[in-house]
Protein backbone atom coordinates (compact mmCIF):
# COMPACT_ATOMS: atom_id res chain seq x y z
CA MET A 1 0.19 -11.07 -26.12
CA SER A 2 0.82 -14.78 -26.61
CA GLU A 3 4.35 -16.19 -26.39
CA ALA A 4 4.18 -17.09 -30.09
CA LEU A 5 3.25 -13.54 -31.09
CA LYS A 6 5.91 -12.07 -28.80
CA ARG A 7 8.65 -14.25 -30.31
CA TYR A 8 7.39 -13.55 -33.84
CA LYS A 9 7.73 -9.81 -33.24
CA GLU A 10 11.22 -10.28 -31.78
CA ILE A 11 12.41 -12.04 -34.93
CA ILE A 12 10.84 -9.36 -37.12
CA ALA A 13 12.67 -6.68 -35.09
CA GLU A 14 15.97 -8.56 -35.50
CA CYS A 15 15.43 -8.75 -39.27
CA ASN A 16 14.51 -5.06 -39.42
CA ASN A 17 17.81 -4.16 -37.74
CA LEU A 18 19.76 -6.25 -40.22
CA SER A 19 17.80 -4.78 -43.14
CA HIS A 20 18.45 -1.26 -41.88
CA ALA A 21 22.19 -1.89 -41.96
CA GLN A 22 21.84 -3.54 -45.36
CA ASN A 23 19.98 -0.51 -46.77
CA THR A 24 22.56 1.89 -45.34
CA ILE A 25 25.36 0.00 -47.07
CA TYR A 26 23.44 -0.13 -50.35
CA TRP A 27 22.71 3.62 -50.23
CA ASP A 28 26.39 4.31 -49.59
CA MET A 29 27.36 1.90 -52.37
CA GLU A 30 25.18 3.70 -54.91
CA THR A 31 25.91 7.28 -53.88
CA ILE A 32 29.39 7.87 -52.43
CA MET A 33 31.33 4.59 -52.32
CA PRO A 34 34.77 4.76 -54.00
CA LYS A 35 35.18 2.19 -56.76
CA GLU A 36 37.76 0.17 -54.83
CA GLY A 37 35.33 -0.17 -51.91
CA PHE A 38 33.08 -2.54 -53.83
CA LYS A 39 34.31 -5.84 -52.39
CA GLY A 40 33.85 -4.81 -48.78
CA HIS A 41 30.38 -3.44 -49.43
CA SER A 42 29.40 -6.46 -51.51
CA ASP A 43 30.60 -8.90 -48.85
CA SER A 44 28.67 -7.04 -46.15
CA LEU A 45 25.50 -6.86 -48.23
CA THR A 46 25.70 -10.54 -49.06
CA TYR A 47 26.23 -11.45 -45.41
CA LEU A 48 23.35 -9.30 -44.13
CA SER A 49 20.93 -10.43 -46.85
CA THR A 50 21.80 -14.06 -46.14
CA GLU A 51 21.29 -13.61 -42.39
CA VAL A 52 17.83 -12.10 -42.96
CA PHE A 53 17.01 -14.94 -45.33
CA LYS A 54 18.10 -17.53 -42.75
CA LYS A 55 15.99 -15.96 -40.01
CA THR A 56 12.88 -15.59 -42.16
CA THR A 57 13.10 -19.17 -43.49
CA SER A 58 14.13 -20.85 -40.24
CA ASP A 59 12.21 -23.76 -38.72
CA GLU A 60 11.50 -21.63 -35.65
CA PHE A 61 9.94 -18.80 -37.66
CA TYR A 62 7.95 -21.25 -39.78
CA GLU A 63 6.51 -23.00 -36.73
CA LEU A 64 5.62 -19.66 -35.13
CA LEU A 65 3.75 -18.58 -38.25
CA LYS A 66 1.88 -21.86 -38.50
CA THR A 67 0.88 -21.50 -34.84
CA LEU A 68 -0.27 -17.89 -35.30
CA ASN A 69 -2.32 -18.90 -38.32
CA THR A 70 -4.33 -21.50 -36.38
CA LYS A 71 -7.92 -20.44 -35.79
CA GLU A 72 -7.48 -20.10 -32.03
CA GLU A 73 -4.42 -17.83 -32.27
CA PHE A 74 -5.42 -15.97 -35.42
CA GLU A 75 -8.72 -14.68 -33.99
CA LYS A 76 -6.84 -12.99 -31.13
CA LEU A 77 -4.64 -10.94 -33.47
CA SER A 78 -5.13 -7.30 -34.44
CA ASP A 79 -6.08 -6.60 -38.06
CA ILE A 80 -2.50 -5.54 -38.84
CA ASP A 81 -1.02 -8.67 -37.24
CA LYS A 82 -3.51 -10.82 -39.15
CA TYR A 83 -2.34 -9.33 -42.44
CA CYS A 84 1.32 -9.70 -41.52
CA VAL A 85 1.27 -13.32 -40.36
CA LYS A 86 -0.75 -14.37 -43.42
CA GLU A 87 1.67 -12.64 -45.77
CA ASP A 88 4.73 -13.89 -43.90
CA LEU A 89 3.46 -17.47 -43.95
CA LYS A 90 2.90 -17.22 -47.70
CA ASP A 91 6.42 -15.80 -48.16
CA ILE A 92 8.16 -18.37 -45.96
CA GLU A 93 6.47 -21.28 -47.71
CA ARG A 94 7.79 -19.81 -50.97
CA ASP A 95 11.31 -18.98 -49.75
CA ARG A 96 11.97 -22.17 -47.77
CA ARG A 97 12.13 -23.93 -51.12
CA VAL A 98 15.20 -21.85 -52.03
CA PRO A 99 18.54 -23.39 -50.95
CA ALA A 100 20.46 -21.03 -48.65
CA ASP A 101 23.70 -21.35 -50.63
CA PHE A 102 21.87 -20.48 -53.86
CA PHE A 103 20.30 -17.41 -52.26
CA GLU A 104 23.74 -16.23 -51.12
CA SER A 105 25.12 -16.72 -54.63
CA PHE A 106 22.15 -14.84 -56.08
CA VAL A 107 22.75 -11.79 -53.86
CA ARG A 108 26.46 -11.75 -54.71
CA ALA A 109 25.64 -12.01 -58.43
CA GLN A 110 23.22 -9.08 -58.10
CA ASN A 111 25.93 -6.89 -56.58
CA GLU A 112 28.48 -7.83 -59.23
CA ALA A 113 26.00 -7.32 -62.06
CA GLY A 114 25.10 -3.87 -60.75
CA VAL A 115 28.70 -2.71 -60.90
CA ALA A 116 29.22 -4.34 -64.31
CA TRP A 117 26.15 -2.54 -65.64
CA GLN A 118 27.52 0.82 -64.52
CA ASP A 119 30.90 0.08 -66.10
CA ALA A 120 29.28 -1.12 -69.33
CA LYS A 121 27.04 1.92 -69.59
CA LYS A 122 29.92 4.33 -69.04
CA ALA A 123 32.06 2.45 -71.58
CA ASN A 124 29.10 2.01 -73.97
CA ASP A 125 30.07 -1.65 -74.27
CA PHE A 126 27.42 -4.36 -73.90
CA SER A 127 30.05 -7.13 -73.80
CA ILE A 128 31.06 -5.98 -70.28
CA PHE A 129 27.54 -6.55 -69.00
CA ALA A 130 26.46 -9.51 -71.17
CA PRO A 131 27.91 -12.35 -69.04
CA HIS A 132 26.43 -10.81 -65.88
CA LEU A 133 23.04 -10.38 -67.56
CA LYS A 134 23.14 -14.02 -68.64
CA THR A 135 23.91 -15.02 -65.05
CA MET A 136 21.01 -12.93 -63.71
CA ILE A 137 18.57 -14.38 -66.25
CA ASP A 138 19.66 -17.94 -65.49
CA MET A 139 19.63 -17.41 -61.73
CA THR A 140 16.26 -15.64 -61.82
CA LYS A 141 14.78 -18.57 -63.72
CA ARG A 142 16.21 -20.95 -61.12
CA MET A 143 14.96 -18.78 -58.27
CA VAL A 144 11.43 -18.72 -59.66
CA LYS A 145 11.54 -22.48 -60.23
CA TYR A 146 12.41 -22.97 -56.56
CA GLN A 147 9.80 -20.51 -55.34
CA TYR A 148 6.92 -21.35 -57.67
CA PRO A 149 7.58 -24.88 -59.00
CA ASP A 150 4.08 -25.31 -60.45
CA GLU A 151 3.56 -21.85 -61.96
CA ASP A 152 4.49 -20.13 -65.21
CA PRO A 153 7.80 -18.40 -64.36
CA TYR A 154 7.00 -15.04 -65.92
CA ASP A 155 3.48 -14.95 -64.46
CA ALA A 156 5.04 -15.62 -61.05
CA LEU A 157 7.44 -12.70 -61.50
CA LEU A 158 4.67 -10.36 -62.64
CA ASP A 159 2.61 -11.31 -59.60
CA GLN A 160 5.58 -10.64 -57.29
CA TYR A 161 5.74 -7.02 -58.43
CA GLU A 162 1.98 -6.41 -58.59
CA GLU A 163 -0.12 -9.05 -56.91
CA GLY A 164 -2.91 -10.36 -59.10
CA MET A 165 -1.28 -9.48 -62.43
CA THR A 166 -0.45 -12.07 -65.10
CA ARG A 167 0.56 -11.97 -68.76
CA GLU A 168 -3.10 -12.35 -69.68
CA ALA A 169 -4.10 -9.40 -67.50
CA TYR A 170 -1.27 -7.21 -68.79
CA ASP A 171 -1.88 -8.15 -72.41
CA LYS A 172 -5.54 -7.18 -72.06
CA VAL A 173 -5.01 -3.71 -70.63
CA PHE A 174 -1.87 -2.97 -72.68
CA ASN A 175 -3.63 -3.91 -75.91
CA GLU A 176 -6.51 -1.65 -74.92
CA LEU A 177 -4.02 1.19 -74.45
CA LYS A 178 -2.10 0.50 -77.66
CA GLU A 179 -5.28 0.54 -79.72
CA GLY A 180 -5.88 4.20 -78.91
CA LEU A 181 -2.34 5.38 -78.23
CA VAL A 182 -0.44 4.31 -81.36
CA PRO A 183 -2.64 6.28 -83.79
CA LEU A 184 -2.61 9.29 -81.44
CA ILE A 185 1.21 9.32 -81.35
CA LYS A 186 1.33 9.08 -85.15
CA LYS A 187 -0.92 12.16 -85.42
CA ILE A 188 1.21 14.10 -82.94
CA THR A 189 4.57 13.26 -84.50
CA ALA A 190 3.19 13.97 -88.00
CA CYS A 191 2.93 17.63 -86.95
CA ASN A 192 6.75 17.82 -87.18
CA LYS A 193 6.87 20.41 -84.43
CA LYS A 194 10.36 21.76 -83.78
CA GLU A 195 12.02 21.76 -80.39
CA ASN A 196 12.83 25.09 -78.77
CA SER A 197 16.53 25.85 -79.28
CA LYS A 198 16.62 27.89 -76.04
CA PHE A 199 17.09 24.63 -74.16
CA ASN A 200 20.23 23.76 -76.14
CA ASP A 201 22.55 25.14 -73.52
CA THR A 202 24.78 24.20 -70.60
CA PHE A 203 23.14 24.41 -67.18
CA SER A 204 24.49 24.56 -63.65
CA ILE A 205 24.40 21.31 -61.67
CA PRO A 206 24.41 23.15 -58.29
CA ALA A 207 21.35 25.07 -59.54
CA GLU A 208 19.69 21.80 -60.59
CA LYS A 209 20.22 20.47 -57.06
CA GLU A 210 18.63 23.59 -55.58
CA THR A 211 15.70 23.23 -57.98
CA GLU A 212 15.31 19.61 -56.89
CA LYS A 213 14.98 20.73 -53.27
CA LEU A 214 12.38 23.36 -54.18
CA LEU A 215 10.30 20.86 -56.15
CA LEU A 216 10.45 18.17 -53.47
CA ASN A 217 9.34 20.66 -50.81
CA TYR A 218 6.58 21.94 -53.06
CA ILE A 219 4.93 18.57 -53.67
CA GLY A 220 5.05 17.53 -50.01
CA PHE A 221 8.33 15.64 -49.47
CA SER A 222 9.50 16.08 -45.87
CA PHE A 223 13.21 16.75 -45.42
CA ASP A 224 12.74 15.95 -41.72
CA LYS A 225 12.04 12.39 -42.83
CA GLY A 226 14.15 12.22 -45.98
CA THR A 227 17.27 13.23 -47.82
CA THR A 228 18.75 13.20 -51.33
CA GLY A 229 21.76 11.71 -53.09
CA GLU A 230 23.33 11.52 -56.53
CA THR A 231 23.45 8.28 -58.58
CA GLU A 232 23.76 7.06 -62.15
CA HIS A 233 20.13 5.92 -62.13
CA PRO A 234 17.64 7.74 -59.86
CA PHE A 235 15.86 5.64 -57.23
CA THR A 236 14.04 5.84 -53.89
CA MET A 237 15.03 3.90 -50.77
CA GLU A 238 12.82 3.43 -47.72
CA PHE A 239 14.26 2.66 -44.28
CA SER A 240 10.99 3.51 -42.48
CA SER A 241 8.32 6.18 -42.84
CA LYS A 242 10.73 8.44 -40.93
CA ASP A 243 13.70 7.89 -43.27
CA VAL A 244 13.02 7.84 -47.01
CA ARG A 245 15.78 8.78 -49.45
CA VAL A 246 15.72 9.81 -53.10
CA SER A 247 18.54 10.06 -55.59
CA ASN A 248 18.89 11.91 -58.87
CA HIS A 249 21.18 12.14 -61.89
CA PHE A 250 22.08 15.70 -62.85
CA ARG A 251 23.01 16.75 -66.37
CA GLU A 252 24.62 19.95 -67.63
CA ASP A 253 23.03 19.43 -71.06
CA ASP A 254 19.44 18.95 -69.84
CA VAL A 255 17.77 21.22 -67.31
CA THR A 256 14.33 19.55 -67.30
CA ASP A 257 15.27 15.87 -66.96
CA PRO A 258 16.54 16.23 -63.36
CA MET A 259 13.40 18.20 -62.50
CA PHE A 260 11.15 15.36 -63.53
CA SER A 261 13.37 12.74 -61.93
CA ALA A 262 13.02 14.73 -58.70
CA ILE A 263 9.23 14.90 -59.01
CA HIS A 264 9.03 11.19 -59.94
CA GLU A 265 11.17 9.96 -57.07
CA GLY A 266 9.45 12.45 -54.80
CA GLY A 267 6.15 10.74 -55.58
CA HIS A 268 7.60 7.41 -54.47
CA ALA A 269 9.01 8.99 -51.32
CA ILE A 270 5.81 10.83 -50.35
CA PHE A 271 4.03 7.47 -50.49
CA GLU A 272 6.51 5.91 -48.06
CA GLN A 273 6.73 8.94 -45.76
CA ASN A 274 2.97 8.87 -45.26
CA VAL A 275 2.42 5.20 -44.50
CA SER A 276 0.73 5.01 -41.11
CA GLU A 277 3.32 4.93 -38.32
CA GLU A 278 1.59 1.95 -36.72
CA LEU A 279 2.70 -0.09 -39.74
CA ASP A 280 6.40 0.78 -39.34
CA GLY A 281 8.51 -2.31 -38.86
CA THR A 282 5.78 -4.66 -40.08
CA THR A 283 5.28 -6.51 -43.36
CA ALA A 284 2.72 -3.85 -44.28
CA GLY A 285 5.03 -0.95 -43.45
CA SER A 286 6.16 -0.27 -47.02
CA CYS A 287 4.14 -0.66 -50.19
CA LYS A 288 5.48 -3.73 -52.00
CA TYR A 289 3.05 -3.45 -54.92
CA LEU A 290 5.03 -1.65 -57.59
CA GLY A 291 2.15 -0.86 -59.92
CA LEU A 292 0.63 1.11 -57.05
CA HIS A 293 4.00 2.65 -56.25
CA GLU A 294 4.68 3.69 -59.84
CA SER A 295 1.17 5.13 -60.04
CA GLN A 296 2.19 7.62 -57.36
CA SER A 297 5.55 8.60 -58.86
CA ARG A 298 4.09 8.94 -62.32
CA PHE A 299 1.00 10.80 -61.09
CA TYR A 300 3.24 13.49 -59.62
CA GLU A 301 5.63 13.48 -62.56
CA ASN A 302 3.06 13.55 -65.36
CA ILE A 303 -0.52 14.25 -64.35
CA LEU A 304 0.62 17.04 -62.02
CA GLY A 305 4.15 17.95 -63.15
CA ARG A 306 3.40 18.21 -66.87
CA ASN A 307 0.31 20.34 -66.24
CA LYS A 308 1.08 23.99 -67.02
CA ASN A 309 -0.73 25.10 -63.86
CA PHE A 310 1.66 23.11 -61.65
CA TRP A 311 4.37 25.64 -62.55
CA VAL A 312 2.33 28.85 -62.28
CA PRO A 313 3.04 29.42 -58.55
CA ILE A 314 6.75 28.44 -58.71
CA TYR A 315 8.12 29.17 -62.18
CA GLU A 316 9.52 32.59 -61.28
CA LYS A 317 11.33 31.05 -58.28
CA ILE A 318 12.86 28.43 -60.58
CA GLN A 319 13.95 31.16 -63.01
CA GLU A 320 15.79 32.83 -60.12
CA ILE A 321 17.63 29.57 -59.40
CA GLU A 322 18.18 28.77 -63.10
CA PRO A 323 18.93 32.24 -64.65
CA LYS A 324 19.07 30.88 -68.20
CA LEU A 325 15.37 30.04 -67.90
CA LYS A 326 14.56 33.77 -67.61
CA ALA A 327 14.68 33.83 -71.40
CA VAL A 328 12.09 31.04 -71.49
CA SER A 329 8.43 31.97 -70.96
CA LEU A 330 6.11 29.67 -69.03
CA ASP A 331 4.31 28.83 -72.27
CA GLU A 332 7.60 27.84 -73.88
CA PHE A 333 8.56 25.79 -70.85
CA TYR A 334 5.16 24.05 -70.93
CA GLU A 335 5.62 23.15 -74.58
CA LYS A 336 9.13 21.85 -73.88
CA ILE A 337 8.05 19.51 -71.05
CA ASN A 338 5.23 18.14 -73.22
CA PHE A 339 7.15 17.93 -76.48
CA VAL A 340 6.38 14.57 -78.07
CA LYS A 341 9.00 12.78 -80.10
CA ASN A 342 10.17 9.24 -80.61
CA SER A 343 13.32 9.13 -78.52
CA PHE A 344 15.76 6.53 -77.21
CA ILE A 345 15.89 7.07 -73.44
CA ARG A 346 12.93 5.86 -71.41
CA THR A 347 13.46 8.09 -68.37
CA ALA A 348 13.65 11.22 -70.53
CA ALA A 349 10.69 10.29 -72.76
CA ASP A 350 7.49 12.32 -72.93
CA GLU A 351 4.49 10.83 -71.17
CA VAL A 352 2.82 9.38 -74.27
CA THR A 353 5.74 7.71 -76.06
CA TYR A 354 6.98 6.51 -72.64
CA CYS A 355 4.18 3.96 -72.74
CA LEU A 356 5.71 2.36 -75.83
CA HIS A 357 9.13 2.19 -74.13
CA ILE A 358 7.55 -0.01 -71.47
CA ILE A 359 5.81 -2.21 -74.02
CA VAL A 360 9.19 -2.76 -75.74
CA ARG A 361 10.69 -4.00 -72.46
CA TYR A 362 7.63 -6.09 -71.58
CA GLU A 363 7.73 -7.88 -74.91
CA ILE A 364 11.47 -8.54 -74.61
CA GLU A 365 10.97 -9.99 -71.12
CA LYS A 366 8.34 -12.33 -72.54
CA GLU A 367 10.85 -13.44 -75.16
CA ILE A 368 13.45 -14.08 -72.44
CA PHE A 369 11.15 -16.18 -70.28
CA LEU A 370 8.88 -17.80 -72.85
CA ASN A 371 11.26 -18.36 -75.76
CA ASN A 372 14.66 -18.40 -74.02
CA VAL A 373 16.12 -15.81 -76.36
CA ASP A 374 19.92 -15.75 -76.28
CA VAL A 375 21.56 -12.88 -74.34
CA ASP A 376 23.89 -11.97 -77.22
CA SER A 377 20.88 -11.39 -79.47
CA LEU A 378 19.13 -9.04 -77.00
CA PRO A 379 20.68 -5.79 -78.34
CA LYS A 380 19.44 -6.66 -81.83
CA LEU A 381 15.99 -7.60 -80.50
CA TRP A 382 15.89 -4.34 -78.52
CA ASN A 383 16.69 -2.32 -81.63
CA GLU A 384 14.06 -4.17 -83.67
CA LYS A 385 11.38 -3.48 -81.05
CA MET A 386 12.37 0.20 -80.90
CA GLN A 387 12.04 0.41 -84.66
CA GLU A 388 8.68 -1.40 -84.58
CA TYR A 389 7.09 0.82 -81.93
CA LEU A 390 8.96 4.11 -82.12
CA GLY A 391 10.37 4.11 -85.64
CA ILE A 392 13.94 4.69 -84.45
CA THR A 393 17.00 2.47 -83.97
CA PRO A 394 19.54 3.11 -81.19
CA SER A 395 23.03 3.81 -82.54
CA CYS A 396 24.80 2.37 -79.48
CA PRO A 397 24.11 0.21 -76.39
CA ALA A 398 24.08 3.19 -73.98
CA GLU A 399 21.00 4.60 -75.70
CA GLY A 400 19.58 1.11 -76.13
CA ILE A 401 19.74 -1.98 -73.99
CA LEU A 402 22.22 -0.56 -71.43
CA GLN A 403 20.13 2.43 -70.38
CA ASP A 404 18.25 0.77 -67.48
CA MET A 405 19.64 -0.85 -64.32
CA HIS A 406 16.62 -3.08 -63.58
CA TRP A 407 17.78 -6.31 -65.21
CA SER A 408 21.14 -6.12 -63.44
CA ASP A 409 19.49 -7.15 -60.16
CA GLY A 410 17.07 -9.61 -61.73
CA SER A 411 14.03 -7.30 -61.60
CA PHE A 412 12.25 -9.02 -64.47
CA GLY A 413 8.54 -8.26 -64.31
CA TYR A 414 9.11 -4.78 -62.85
CA PHE A 415 8.93 -2.74 -66.08
CA PRO A 416 5.23 -3.45 -66.80
CA THR A 417 4.29 -1.85 -63.47
CA TYR A 418 5.36 1.57 -64.79
CA LEU A 419 2.70 1.44 -67.49
CA LEU A 420 0.15 -0.14 -65.18
CA GLY A 421 0.76 2.77 -62.80
CA THR A 422 0.14 5.21 -65.65
CA ILE A 423 -3.16 3.47 -66.37
CA TYR A 424 -4.14 3.76 -62.69
CA ASP A 425 -3.32 7.49 -62.90
CA GLY A 426 -6.06 8.17 -65.43
CA MET A 427 -8.51 6.61 -63.01
CA TYR A 428 -7.22 8.66 -60.04
CA LEU A 429 -7.51 11.86 -62.08
CA GLU A 430 -11.19 11.19 -62.73
CA LYS A 431 -11.84 10.59 -59.03
CA ILE A 432 -9.86 13.61 -57.80
CA THR A 433 -11.72 15.86 -60.23
CA GLU A 434 -14.99 14.45 -58.94
CA GLU A 435 -14.11 14.88 -55.26
CA LEU A 436 -11.81 17.93 -55.14
CA GLY A 437 -12.77 19.85 -58.25
CA ASP A 438 -10.93 21.06 -61.36
CA ILE A 439 -7.29 20.01 -61.03
CA ASP A 440 -6.17 22.98 -63.17
CA VAL A 441 -7.65 25.40 -60.65
CA ILE A 442 -6.17 23.55 -57.66
CA LEU A 443 -2.69 23.64 -59.19
CA LYS A 444 -2.90 27.22 -60.46
CA GLU A 445 -3.82 28.41 -56.97
CA GLY A 446 -0.83 26.57 -55.47
CA ARG A 447 -3.02 24.13 -53.55
CA ILE A 448 -1.11 21.02 -54.64
CA LEU A 449 -0.81 19.81 -51.04
CA GLU A 450 -4.59 19.24 -51.07
CA ILE A 451 -3.96 16.61 -53.74
CA THR A 452 -1.08 15.16 -51.72
CA LYS A 453 -3.36 14.94 -48.67
CA TRP A 454 -6.04 13.19 -50.76
CA LEU A 455 -3.48 10.61 -51.91
CA ASN A 456 -2.19 10.25 -48.32
CA GLU A 457 -5.67 9.40 -47.07
CA LYS A 458 -6.86 7.29 -49.99
CA ILE A 459 -3.68 5.31 -50.72
CA HIS A 460 -0.47 6.08 -48.84
CA LYS A 461 -1.41 5.44 -45.22
CA TYR A 462 -2.32 1.82 -45.90
CA GLY A 463 1.15 0.74 -47.03
CA SER A 464 0.82 -2.85 -48.26
CA SER A 465 -2.17 -3.69 -46.09
CA ARG A 466 -4.54 -3.42 -49.07
CA LYS A 467 -3.92 -5.38 -52.26
CA PRO A 468 -3.79 -3.45 -55.58
CA LYS A 469 -7.24 -4.53 -56.74
CA GLU A 470 -8.66 -3.57 -53.34
CA VAL A 471 -7.07 -0.12 -53.60
CA ILE A 472 -8.38 0.53 -57.11
CA LYS A 473 -11.84 -0.67 -56.14
CA ALA A 474 -11.88 1.43 -52.94
CA VAL A 475 -10.47 4.58 -54.54
CA CYS A 476 -11.97 4.48 -58.03
CA GLY A 477 -14.99 2.23 -57.59
CA LYS A 478 -14.39 0.21 -60.77
CA GLU A 479 -12.13 -2.31 -62.47
CA VAL A 480 -8.83 -1.33 -64.08
CA SER A 481 -9.31 0.27 -67.49
CA ALA A 482 -7.05 2.15 -69.90
CA GLN A 483 -9.90 4.34 -71.13
CA PRO A 484 -9.46 7.17 -68.58
CA ILE A 485 -5.76 7.66 -69.37
CA LEU A 486 -6.49 7.48 -73.11
CA LYS A 487 -9.13 10.20 -72.63
CA TYR A 488 -6.58 12.32 -70.76
CA PHE A 489 -3.91 11.86 -73.44
CA THR A 490 -6.33 12.55 -76.29
CA GLU A 491 -7.84 15.71 -74.80
CA LYS A 492 -4.50 17.16 -73.67
CA TYR A 493 -2.52 16.57 -76.85
CA THR A 494 -5.34 17.37 -79.26
CA LYS A 495 -5.40 20.82 -77.70
CA LEU A 496 -1.61 21.16 -77.37
CA TYR A 497 -0.90 20.10 -80.97
CA ASN A 498 -4.09 21.45 -82.60
CA LEU A 499 -4.95 17.98 -83.93
């Protein structure tokens, strides 16, 4: 090992230690921190983030990366090290353009905006969050200008979350999806099917937590390498492949929503738990491509979890945990979890109208970055988009613009990856059916771990070492298309709703 490579790995290890502490504080902050503990946690997070930023943008690190990328040094590297030094050089050339004091201010603003969002949502008052949202929009625009001075700001953000994606690419595939999906949703909702009143009840939160554990175990989440927590907005946090944590939000008035949050976050976690151990601690050690990541969470949540056969082997066990479900047959439960209606909350939406929730957010983000729409007008714009696509208007901010946490930390460009992941899922389903057989049979026989193993081998173990387009090409053998997911939606809901 050359001296340059040795020192490079030492700095990476130092940054990993700082990031581990940073993640621990953030997890604590989101799950169990008392409200008055915010300042101490925020100060520590800001300090640790800034220290990592300093190390990974330092002159020493930059010179090491330039040395390792010379032909003589580069040819001696392993394939993993080649990927890492190329990616790290690209990142440092981007981040060295960001002033250190601005980065520190950005991290502090993220922390403050996150708390303000929680307060605003609980109070159902957008004015609490509005000034923080304005700050995050302004600072995100400045950050992108520093990082990508010659690029379209929103295209740069989209590429950060899913490399290779631009507005043009998203518009193409989203328009393809809308063309078939909008008329299908109109046909479904025209049926005026009534919801099952058996679910209008109060359910036990301890039972929901036990159900979460059952579901996570069932789909392949390892509790030896993971744990759970409770938060306002469910999320997954990766420390390494040996420590991946998921959170959930439990509700007494909704027994199914926490189930699907568990399955969704479990999909994210299974991805991270099954990245090859040799990638731990490297740039490739966690998948940074969020379209790919969301494809896994949404594949488990929807393609598997909303299939009736997923529940056949476990429904009686869930009825034992949730006694009120004993009055609900499996057929009734299946209809409930696939009931289509135009609703306000994205995370609780059915799998077909969910797509329109993402398009609403994508179009608003374009307005923010292309037309500089004023923050105070965003609630009105949100409501107009909801009316345009879903035919409903939120009655309050909590069921409208305040429902998601993503913009509080400046994650503009993230939302489109949810729908891109859904589009990938249709393509995976075709390939799994071709290689493993009828997915209904696999699920009905309780062989879901065969699907998990297939995903482990085809996608998970590579972490970030393969770019999204490389993964789709390798796994599916063709370019990204919305046609497979449209075929899935059309066949499933034509049968379910007798269209």
